[in-house]
N, C-alpha and C. Protein backbone atom coordinates (compact mmCIF):
# COMPACT_ATOMS: atom_id res chain seq x y z
N UNK A 1 0.86 -1.19 -0.02
CA UNK A 1 0.04 -0.01 0.02
C UNK A 1 0.87 1.25 -0.02
N UNK A 2 0.70 2.20 -0.95
CA UNK A 2 1.51 3.38 -0.96
C UNK A 2 1.34 4.24 0.28
N UNK A 3 2.43 4.88 0.64
CA UNK A 3 2.41 5.77 1.76
C UNK A 3 1.84 7.14 1.35
N UNK A 4 0.70 7.55 1.91
CA UNK A 4 0.11 8.82 1.54
C UNK A 4 1.00 10.01 1.70
N UNK A 5 1.89 9.94 2.66
CA UNK A 5 2.83 11.10 2.92
C UNK A 5 3.79 11.20 1.76
N UNK A 6 4.05 10.18 1.03
CA UNK A 6 5.03 10.21 -0.03
C UNK A 6 4.36 10.22 -1.38
N UNK A 7 3.05 10.52 -1.44
CA UNK A 7 2.37 10.54 -2.74
C UNK A 7 2.83 11.73 -3.57
N UNK A 8 2.46 11.72 -4.84
CA UNK A 8 2.88 12.85 -5.72
C UNK A 8 2.30 14.14 -5.27
N UNK A 9 1.22 14.20 -4.54
CA UNK A 9 0.60 15.39 -4.11
C UNK A 9 1.25 15.89 -2.79
N UNK A 10 1.89 14.99 -2.14
CA UNK A 10 2.51 15.28 -0.85
C UNK A 10 1.47 15.43 0.23
N UNK A 11 1.89 15.55 1.42
CA UNK A 11 0.92 15.77 2.49
C UNK A 11 0.84 17.26 2.77
N UNK A 12 -0.34 17.77 3.06
CA UNK A 12 -0.45 19.17 3.36
C UNK A 12 0.23 19.48 4.64
N UNK A 13 0.83 20.63 4.65
CA UNK A 13 1.60 21.11 5.86
C UNK A 13 0.60 21.44 6.94
N UNK A 14 0.96 21.18 8.14
CA UNK A 14 0.07 21.56 9.32
C UNK A 14 -0.23 23.01 9.39
N UNK A 15 0.68 23.80 8.92
CA UNK A 15 0.49 25.29 9.00
C UNK A 15 -0.21 25.78 7.75
N UNK A 16 -0.56 24.90 6.80
CA UNK A 16 -1.16 25.35 5.53
C UNK A 16 -2.56 24.68 5.49
N UNK A 17 -3.61 25.47 5.85
CA UNK A 17 -4.95 24.90 5.83
C UNK A 17 -5.52 24.78 4.44
N UNK A 18 -4.76 25.10 3.43
CA UNK A 18 -5.27 25.00 2.07
C UNK A 18 -6.48 25.90 1.90
N UNK A 19 -7.46 25.37 1.20
CA UNK A 19 -8.67 26.15 0.90
C UNK A 19 -9.70 25.94 2.02
N UNK A 20 -9.28 25.57 3.19
CA UNK A 20 -10.24 25.29 4.21
C UNK A 20 -10.74 26.51 4.96
N UNK A 21 -10.38 27.68 4.40
CA UNK A 21 -10.87 28.91 5.11
C UNK A 21 -11.17 29.95 4.00
N UNK A 22 -11.99 30.89 4.40
CA UNK A 22 -12.28 32.08 3.55
C UNK A 22 -12.68 31.74 2.16
N UNK A 23 -12.20 32.61 1.18
CA UNK A 23 -12.61 32.43 -0.20
C UNK A 23 -12.20 31.07 -0.79
N UNK A 24 -11.23 30.43 -0.19
CA UNK A 24 -10.80 29.09 -0.71
C UNK A 24 -11.98 28.08 -0.59
N UNK A 25 -12.73 28.16 0.46
CA UNK A 25 -13.90 27.27 0.59
C UNK A 25 -14.91 27.48 -0.53
N UNK A 26 -15.11 28.78 -0.84
CA UNK A 26 -16.09 29.11 -1.92
C UNK A 26 -15.53 28.58 -3.26
N UNK A 27 -14.20 28.74 -3.52
CA UNK A 27 -13.67 28.22 -4.78
C UNK A 27 -13.76 26.74 -4.84
N UNK A 28 -13.51 26.01 -3.75
CA UNK A 28 -13.66 24.56 -3.80
C UNK A 28 -15.07 24.19 -4.11
N UNK A 29 -16.04 24.86 -3.46
CA UNK A 29 -17.44 24.53 -3.69
C UNK A 29 -17.85 24.81 -5.12
N UNK A 30 -17.39 25.94 -5.66
CA UNK A 30 -17.79 26.29 -7.08
C UNK A 30 -17.11 25.23 -8.04
N UNK A 31 -15.79 25.02 -7.80
CA UNK A 31 -15.13 24.04 -8.70
C UNK A 31 -15.77 22.67 -8.63
N UNK A 32 -16.15 22.23 -7.41
CA UNK A 32 -16.81 20.95 -7.26
C UNK A 32 -18.18 20.92 -7.96
N UNK A 33 -18.94 22.00 -7.88
CA UNK A 33 -20.26 22.09 -8.52
C UNK A 33 -20.01 22.08 -10.02
N UNK A 34 -19.03 22.77 -10.55
CA UNK A 34 -18.77 22.75 -12.00
C UNK A 34 -18.30 21.37 -12.46
N UNK A 35 -17.48 20.71 -11.67
CA UNK A 35 -17.09 19.34 -12.02
C UNK A 35 -18.23 18.45 -12.17
N UNK A 36 -19.16 18.53 -11.20
CA UNK A 36 -20.34 17.68 -11.25
C UNK A 36 -21.27 18.03 -12.40
N UNK A 37 -21.53 19.33 -12.59
CA UNK A 37 -22.42 19.77 -13.61
C UNK A 37 -21.88 19.43 -14.98
N UNK A 38 -20.61 19.87 -15.26
CA UNK A 38 -20.02 19.60 -16.53
C UNK A 38 -19.85 18.13 -16.85
N UNK A 39 -19.49 17.32 -15.79
CA UNK A 39 -19.41 15.92 -15.98
C UNK A 39 -20.66 15.20 -16.33
N UNK A 40 -21.72 15.57 -15.59
CA UNK A 40 -23.03 15.03 -15.82
C UNK A 40 -23.53 15.34 -17.23
N UNK A 41 -23.40 16.65 -17.58
CA UNK A 41 -23.80 17.09 -18.89
C UNK A 41 -23.06 16.37 -19.92
N UNK A 42 -21.74 16.32 -19.86
CA UNK A 42 -20.93 15.64 -20.88
C UNK A 42 -21.25 14.18 -20.94
N UNK A 43 -21.48 13.54 -19.78
CA UNK A 43 -21.79 12.07 -19.82
C UNK A 43 -23.06 11.83 -20.60
N UNK A 44 -24.12 12.60 -20.33
CA UNK A 44 -25.37 12.44 -21.05
C UNK A 44 -25.18 12.72 -22.55
N UNK A 45 -24.54 13.83 -22.84
CA UNK A 45 -24.36 14.19 -24.26
C UNK A 45 -23.52 13.18 -24.99
N UNK A 46 -22.47 12.68 -24.41
CA UNK A 46 -21.62 11.74 -25.06
C UNK A 46 -22.39 10.40 -25.30
N UNK A 47 -23.22 10.03 -24.34
CA UNK A 47 -23.95 8.77 -24.42
C UNK A 47 -25.11 8.84 -25.38
N UNK A 48 -25.75 9.97 -25.44
CA UNK A 48 -27.02 10.09 -26.23
C UNK A 48 -26.89 10.82 -27.53
N UNK A 49 -26.11 11.94 -27.49
CA UNK A 49 -26.05 12.85 -28.63
C UNK A 49 -24.71 13.01 -29.31
N UNK A 50 -23.82 12.09 -29.08
CA UNK A 50 -22.42 12.20 -29.56
C UNK A 50 -22.28 12.66 -31.01
N UNK A 51 -23.08 12.08 -31.89
CA UNK A 51 -22.97 12.33 -33.33
C UNK A 51 -23.37 13.81 -33.71
N UNK A 52 -24.13 14.45 -32.84
CA UNK A 52 -24.56 15.81 -33.11
C UNK A 52 -23.42 16.86 -33.01
N UNK A 53 -22.58 16.71 -32.01
CA UNK A 53 -21.47 17.68 -31.80
C UNK A 53 -20.35 17.06 -30.97
N UNK A 54 -19.65 16.07 -31.60
CA UNK A 54 -18.64 15.35 -30.84
C UNK A 54 -17.55 16.28 -30.21
N UNK A 55 -17.10 17.28 -30.93
CA UNK A 55 -16.06 18.13 -30.37
C UNK A 55 -16.53 18.85 -29.15
N UNK A 56 -17.74 19.39 -29.20
CA UNK A 56 -18.29 20.15 -28.06
C UNK A 56 -18.43 19.23 -26.86
N UNK A 57 -18.92 18.04 -27.02
CA UNK A 57 -19.17 17.19 -25.91
C UNK A 57 -17.88 16.65 -25.28
N UNK A 58 -16.89 16.38 -26.12
CA UNK A 58 -15.63 15.87 -25.59
C UNK A 58 -14.94 17.08 -24.80
N UNK A 59 -15.03 18.28 -25.36
CA UNK A 59 -14.45 19.37 -24.63
C UNK A 59 -15.18 19.63 -23.31
N UNK A 60 -16.47 19.38 -23.21
CA UNK A 60 -17.16 19.50 -21.94
C UNK A 60 -16.67 18.47 -20.91
N UNK A 61 -16.39 17.27 -21.45
CA UNK A 61 -15.84 16.18 -20.58
C UNK A 61 -14.46 16.54 -20.12
N UNK A 62 -13.64 17.15 -20.98
CA UNK A 62 -12.29 17.59 -20.57
C UNK A 62 -12.36 18.72 -19.53
N UNK A 63 -13.31 19.59 -19.75
CA UNK A 63 -13.56 20.69 -18.76
C UNK A 63 -13.93 20.10 -17.40
N UNK A 64 -14.80 19.08 -17.38
CA UNK A 64 -15.19 18.44 -16.14
C UNK A 64 -14.02 17.84 -15.38
N UNK A 65 -13.09 17.21 -16.18
CA UNK A 65 -11.93 16.58 -15.57
C UNK A 65 -11.01 17.67 -14.98
N UNK A 66 -10.87 18.79 -15.69
CA UNK A 66 -10.00 19.86 -15.21
C UNK A 66 -10.62 20.47 -13.97
N UNK A 67 -11.91 20.63 -13.95
CA UNK A 67 -12.59 21.14 -12.72
C UNK A 67 -12.38 20.21 -11.55
N UNK A 68 -12.44 18.93 -11.79
CA UNK A 68 -12.26 17.94 -10.69
C UNK A 68 -10.84 18.01 -10.18
N UNK A 69 -9.85 18.14 -11.05
CA UNK A 69 -8.47 18.22 -10.63
C UNK A 69 -8.22 19.52 -9.78
N UNK A 70 -8.81 20.61 -10.27
CA UNK A 70 -8.67 21.87 -9.53
C UNK A 70 -9.35 21.78 -8.18
N UNK A 71 -10.49 21.11 -8.11
CA UNK A 71 -11.19 20.94 -6.83
C UNK A 71 -10.30 20.16 -5.85
N UNK A 72 -9.70 19.06 -6.36
CA UNK A 72 -8.86 18.23 -5.50
C UNK A 72 -7.65 19.02 -5.04
N UNK A 73 -6.96 19.71 -5.92
CA UNK A 73 -5.85 20.49 -5.56
C UNK A 73 -6.10 21.59 -4.56
N UNK A 74 -7.17 22.28 -4.81
CA UNK A 74 -7.56 23.41 -3.86
C UNK A 74 -7.94 22.86 -2.53
N UNK A 75 -8.69 21.73 -2.51
CA UNK A 75 -9.13 21.18 -1.23
C UNK A 75 -7.95 20.56 -0.44
N UNK A 76 -7.08 20.01 -1.17
CA UNK A 76 -5.88 19.34 -0.51
C UNK A 76 -4.95 20.32 0.12
N UNK A 77 -4.70 21.42 -0.50
CA UNK A 77 -3.71 22.36 0.06
C UNK A 77 -2.34 21.83 -0.03
N UNK A 78 -1.45 22.51 0.71
CA UNK A 78 -0.06 22.07 0.70
C UNK A 78 0.56 22.45 -0.63
N UNK A 79 1.88 22.21 -0.70
CA UNK A 79 2.61 22.52 -1.91
C UNK A 79 2.18 21.65 -3.12
N UNK A 80 1.93 20.33 -2.92
CA UNK A 80 1.49 19.51 -3.95
C UNK A 80 0.05 19.85 -4.46
N UNK A 81 -0.84 20.13 -3.51
CA UNK A 81 -2.16 20.49 -3.92
C UNK A 81 -2.20 21.82 -4.67
N UNK A 82 -1.41 22.74 -4.23
CA UNK A 82 -1.33 24.06 -4.95
C UNK A 82 -0.72 23.86 -6.32
N UNK A 83 0.22 23.00 -6.48
CA UNK A 83 0.78 22.74 -7.78
C UNK A 83 -0.22 22.14 -8.71
N UNK A 84 -0.95 21.14 -8.24
CA UNK A 84 -2.02 20.49 -9.01
C UNK A 84 -3.07 21.56 -9.45
N UNK A 85 -3.48 22.34 -8.49
CA UNK A 85 -4.57 23.31 -8.75
C UNK A 85 -4.08 24.39 -9.71
N UNK A 86 -2.77 24.78 -9.58
CA UNK A 86 -2.21 25.80 -10.48
C UNK A 86 -2.17 25.29 -11.90
N UNK A 87 -1.75 24.05 -12.13
CA UNK A 87 -1.74 23.44 -13.45
C UNK A 87 -3.14 23.40 -13.98
N UNK A 88 -4.08 22.89 -13.18
CA UNK A 88 -5.48 22.75 -13.62
C UNK A 88 -6.09 24.15 -13.98
N UNK A 89 -5.91 25.12 -13.16
CA UNK A 89 -6.40 26.45 -13.44
C UNK A 89 -5.82 27.07 -14.63
N UNK A 90 -4.53 26.86 -14.80
CA UNK A 90 -3.83 27.35 -15.99
C UNK A 90 -4.35 26.75 -17.31
N UNK A 91 -4.50 25.45 -17.28
CA UNK A 91 -5.06 24.74 -18.44
C UNK A 91 -6.51 25.18 -18.69
N UNK A 92 -7.27 25.33 -17.61
CA UNK A 92 -8.61 25.85 -17.72
C UNK A 92 -8.70 27.22 -18.36
N UNK A 93 -7.82 28.14 -17.94
CA UNK A 93 -7.80 29.48 -18.49
C UNK A 93 -7.46 29.43 -20.01
N UNK A 94 -6.51 28.59 -20.36
CA UNK A 94 -6.10 28.48 -21.74
C UNK A 94 -7.26 27.88 -22.53
N UNK A 95 -7.96 26.88 -21.95
CA UNK A 95 -9.11 26.26 -22.62
C UNK A 95 -10.21 27.25 -22.86
N UNK A 96 -10.59 28.04 -21.81
CA UNK A 96 -11.64 29.02 -21.88
C UNK A 96 -11.33 30.01 -23.00
N UNK A 97 -10.09 30.52 -22.96
CA UNK A 97 -9.75 31.56 -23.97
C UNK A 97 -9.69 31.00 -25.38
N UNK A 98 -9.19 29.76 -25.54
CA UNK A 98 -9.12 29.16 -26.82
C UNK A 98 -10.48 28.77 -27.37
N UNK A 99 -11.23 27.99 -26.58
CA UNK A 99 -12.57 27.52 -27.01
C UNK A 99 -13.50 28.73 -27.16
N UNK A 100 -13.41 29.68 -26.26
CA UNK A 100 -14.30 30.87 -26.33
C UNK A 100 -14.05 31.64 -27.64
N UNK A 101 -12.82 31.81 -28.02
CA UNK A 101 -12.49 32.53 -29.24
C UNK A 101 -12.91 31.71 -30.47
N UNK A 102 -12.54 30.37 -30.48
CA UNK A 102 -12.89 29.57 -31.65
C UNK A 102 -14.40 29.43 -31.81
N UNK A 103 -15.14 29.39 -30.69
CA UNK A 103 -16.61 29.33 -30.80
C UNK A 103 -17.21 30.60 -31.41
N UNK A 104 -16.50 31.73 -31.29
CA UNK A 104 -16.99 32.88 -31.88
C UNK A 104 -16.54 33.01 -33.40
N UNK A 105 -15.38 32.51 -33.67
CA UNK A 105 -14.83 32.58 -35.03
C UNK A 105 -15.48 31.59 -35.94
N UNK A 106 -15.62 30.29 -35.43
CA UNK A 106 -16.07 29.22 -36.29
C UNK A 106 -17.30 28.54 -35.60
N UNK A 107 -18.45 29.15 -35.70
CA UNK A 107 -19.66 28.60 -35.04
C UNK A 107 -20.04 27.29 -35.52
N UNK A 108 -19.68 26.93 -36.77
CA UNK A 108 -20.04 25.64 -37.34
C UNK A 108 -19.28 24.51 -36.59
N UNK A 109 -18.10 24.76 -36.08
CA UNK A 109 -17.38 23.70 -35.38
C UNK A 109 -18.00 23.45 -33.99
N UNK A 110 -18.81 24.31 -33.51
CA UNK A 110 -19.51 24.15 -32.20
C UNK A 110 -21.04 24.24 -32.39
N UNK A 111 -21.65 23.25 -32.99
CA UNK A 111 -23.14 23.33 -33.21
C UNK A 111 -23.85 23.29 -31.85
N UNK A 112 -23.24 22.74 -30.83
CA UNK A 112 -23.81 22.80 -29.47
C UNK A 112 -22.77 23.37 -28.57
N UNK A 113 -23.28 24.09 -27.57
CA UNK A 113 -22.34 24.78 -26.68
C UNK A 113 -21.55 23.78 -25.73
N UNK A 114 -20.38 24.27 -25.43
CA UNK A 114 -19.57 23.61 -24.34
C UNK A 114 -19.61 24.50 -23.13
N UNK A 115 -19.05 24.06 -22.03
CA UNK A 115 -18.95 24.86 -20.82
C UNK A 115 -18.18 26.17 -21.14
N UNK A 116 -17.14 26.04 -22.04
CA UNK A 116 -16.31 27.11 -22.35
C UNK A 116 -16.71 27.95 -23.56
N UNK A 117 -17.72 27.56 -24.29
CA UNK A 117 -18.19 28.30 -25.50
C UNK A 117 -18.44 29.76 -25.10
N UNK A 118 -18.07 30.65 -26.04
CA UNK A 118 -18.27 32.14 -25.88
C UNK A 118 -17.85 32.49 -24.41
N UNK A 119 -16.73 31.99 -23.99
CA UNK A 119 -16.11 32.32 -22.68
C UNK A 119 -17.02 32.01 -21.53
N UNK A 120 -17.86 30.97 -21.71
CA UNK A 120 -18.76 30.49 -20.64
C UNK A 120 -20.03 31.28 -20.53
N UNK A 121 -20.49 31.86 -21.64
CA UNK A 121 -21.72 32.69 -21.62
C UNK A 121 -22.90 31.96 -21.06
N UNK A 122 -23.02 30.66 -21.38
CA UNK A 122 -24.18 29.86 -20.90
C UNK A 122 -24.14 29.64 -19.36
N UNK A 123 -23.04 29.95 -18.76
CA UNK A 123 -22.85 29.75 -17.32
C UNK A 123 -22.57 31.14 -16.63
N UNK A 124 -23.06 32.20 -17.29
CA UNK A 124 -22.89 33.53 -16.63
C UNK A 124 -21.43 34.01 -16.67
N UNK A 125 -20.60 33.50 -17.59
CA UNK A 125 -19.25 33.84 -17.71
C UNK A 125 -18.36 33.44 -16.54
N UNK A 126 -18.97 32.65 -15.63
CA UNK A 126 -18.18 32.13 -14.50
C UNK A 126 -16.97 31.33 -14.96
N UNK A 127 -17.08 30.48 -16.01
CA UNK A 127 -15.93 29.78 -16.45
C UNK A 127 -14.75 30.64 -16.88
N UNK A 128 -15.03 31.91 -17.29
CA UNK A 128 -13.95 32.79 -17.67
C UNK A 128 -13.26 33.39 -16.42
N UNK A 129 -14.08 33.66 -15.39
CA UNK A 129 -13.57 34.33 -14.20
C UNK A 129 -12.93 33.32 -13.22
N UNK A 130 -13.45 32.09 -13.24
CA UNK A 130 -13.04 31.07 -12.22
C UNK A 130 -11.54 30.78 -12.22
N UNK A 131 -10.90 30.53 -13.38
CA UNK A 131 -9.43 30.22 -13.34
C UNK A 131 -8.65 31.47 -12.89
N UNK A 132 -9.08 32.60 -13.22
CA UNK A 132 -8.36 33.80 -12.80
C UNK A 132 -8.43 33.96 -11.31
N UNK A 133 -9.60 33.79 -10.77
CA UNK A 133 -9.81 33.89 -9.28
C UNK A 133 -9.02 32.70 -8.59
N UNK A 134 -9.04 31.56 -9.22
CA UNK A 134 -8.35 30.40 -8.68
C UNK A 134 -6.82 30.69 -8.63
N UNK A 135 -6.30 31.19 -9.71
CA UNK A 135 -4.84 31.46 -9.72
C UNK A 135 -4.44 32.58 -8.73
N UNK A 136 -5.32 33.60 -8.63
CA UNK A 136 -5.02 34.66 -7.63
C UNK A 136 -5.03 34.11 -6.20
N UNK A 137 -5.99 33.21 -5.92
CA UNK A 137 -6.08 32.62 -4.56
C UNK A 137 -4.85 31.73 -4.32
N UNK A 138 -4.42 30.98 -5.33
CA UNK A 138 -3.27 30.08 -5.21
C UNK A 138 -2.00 30.92 -4.98
N UNK A 139 -1.89 32.04 -5.69
CA UNK A 139 -0.77 32.94 -5.48
C UNK A 139 -0.75 33.44 -4.05
N UNK A 140 -1.90 33.85 -3.57
CA UNK A 140 -2.02 34.31 -2.16
C UNK A 140 -1.63 33.27 -1.22
N UNK A 141 -2.10 32.07 -1.43
CA UNK A 141 -1.77 30.94 -0.52
C UNK A 141 -0.27 30.60 -0.54
N UNK A 142 0.31 30.66 -1.71
CA UNK A 142 1.78 30.42 -1.85
C UNK A 142 2.61 31.48 -1.13
N UNK A 143 2.15 32.71 -1.20
CA UNK A 143 2.85 33.79 -0.48
C UNK A 143 2.72 33.54 1.02
N UNK A 144 1.56 33.17 1.51
CA UNK A 144 1.39 32.88 2.94
C UNK A 144 2.30 31.76 3.39
N UNK A 145 2.37 30.70 2.55
CA UNK A 145 3.21 29.56 2.82
C UNK A 145 4.71 29.94 2.93
N UNK A 146 5.14 30.84 2.05
CA UNK A 146 6.50 31.34 2.02
C UNK A 146 6.75 32.12 3.34
N UNK A 147 5.85 32.91 3.75
CA UNK A 147 5.99 33.64 5.06
C UNK A 147 6.17 32.73 6.20
N UNK A 148 5.35 31.65 6.25
CA UNK A 148 5.45 30.68 7.29
C UNK A 148 6.79 30.01 7.26
N UNK A 149 7.31 29.68 6.02
CA UNK A 149 8.59 29.01 5.95
C UNK A 149 9.68 29.95 6.36
N UNK A 150 9.59 31.25 6.08
CA UNK A 150 10.59 32.22 6.48
C UNK A 150 10.62 32.44 8.00
N UNK A 151 9.42 32.55 8.57
CA UNK A 151 9.34 32.80 10.00
C UNK A 151 9.44 31.49 10.82
N UNK A 152 8.98 30.45 10.31
CA UNK A 152 8.97 29.18 10.99
C UNK A 152 7.66 29.02 11.80
N UNK A 153 7.44 27.85 12.26
CA UNK A 153 6.15 27.62 12.97
C UNK A 153 6.13 28.46 14.28
N UNK A 154 4.93 28.79 14.72
CA UNK A 154 4.81 29.49 15.99
C UNK A 154 5.34 28.71 17.14
N UNK A 155 5.92 29.35 18.16
CA UNK A 155 6.43 28.59 19.28
C UNK A 155 5.32 27.92 20.09
N UNK A 156 5.73 26.79 20.68
CA UNK A 156 4.72 26.10 21.52
C UNK A 156 4.48 26.87 22.77
N UNK A 157 3.19 26.78 23.27
CA UNK A 157 2.90 27.47 24.52
C UNK A 157 3.60 26.78 25.69
N UNK A 158 3.92 27.62 26.64
CA UNK A 158 4.51 27.11 27.90
C UNK A 158 3.58 26.18 28.60
N UNK A 159 4.00 25.09 29.13
CA UNK A 159 3.06 24.22 29.94
C UNK A 159 2.70 24.94 31.21
N UNK A 160 1.50 24.73 31.69
CA UNK A 160 1.08 25.35 32.98
C UNK A 160 1.92 24.86 34.12
N UNK A 161 2.23 25.76 34.99
CA UNK A 161 3.05 25.47 36.19
C UNK A 161 2.11 24.93 37.27
N UNK A 162 2.53 23.83 37.95
CA UNK A 162 1.67 23.28 38.99
C UNK A 162 1.62 24.07 40.26
């Protein structure tokens, strides 16, 4: 059985709560929701309507996978989790910009919308904003982790005197 502490994601540092606080919790929830929604939508479309718009449906499945990886990375925290989430958010941003632009230029290639079509218009443009917000949060978390590394962990409290 592999040792979880030595996994490729690494174990989260005790001083790094990851996305377990503040805006990080909201990002994890939104990414999880998008992973579920995009995955369910893609699954139904690939199973029932594949011939109608195969490119769009495969891209929706890819988006769901990227959302899932971002969710895992953000929720995990630590250096490995941040690295996974950074890669996922970066690929997501590239995908949103590429698919968004191509869906405007060549509408025939996208007879049915993807999560990323027209920069996520069908989802209130959240898919365009989400990777930017995710990358900004990850940068913030990395800076906090560097401060903790520079300062070191807080000292242990003195034990009570009898």
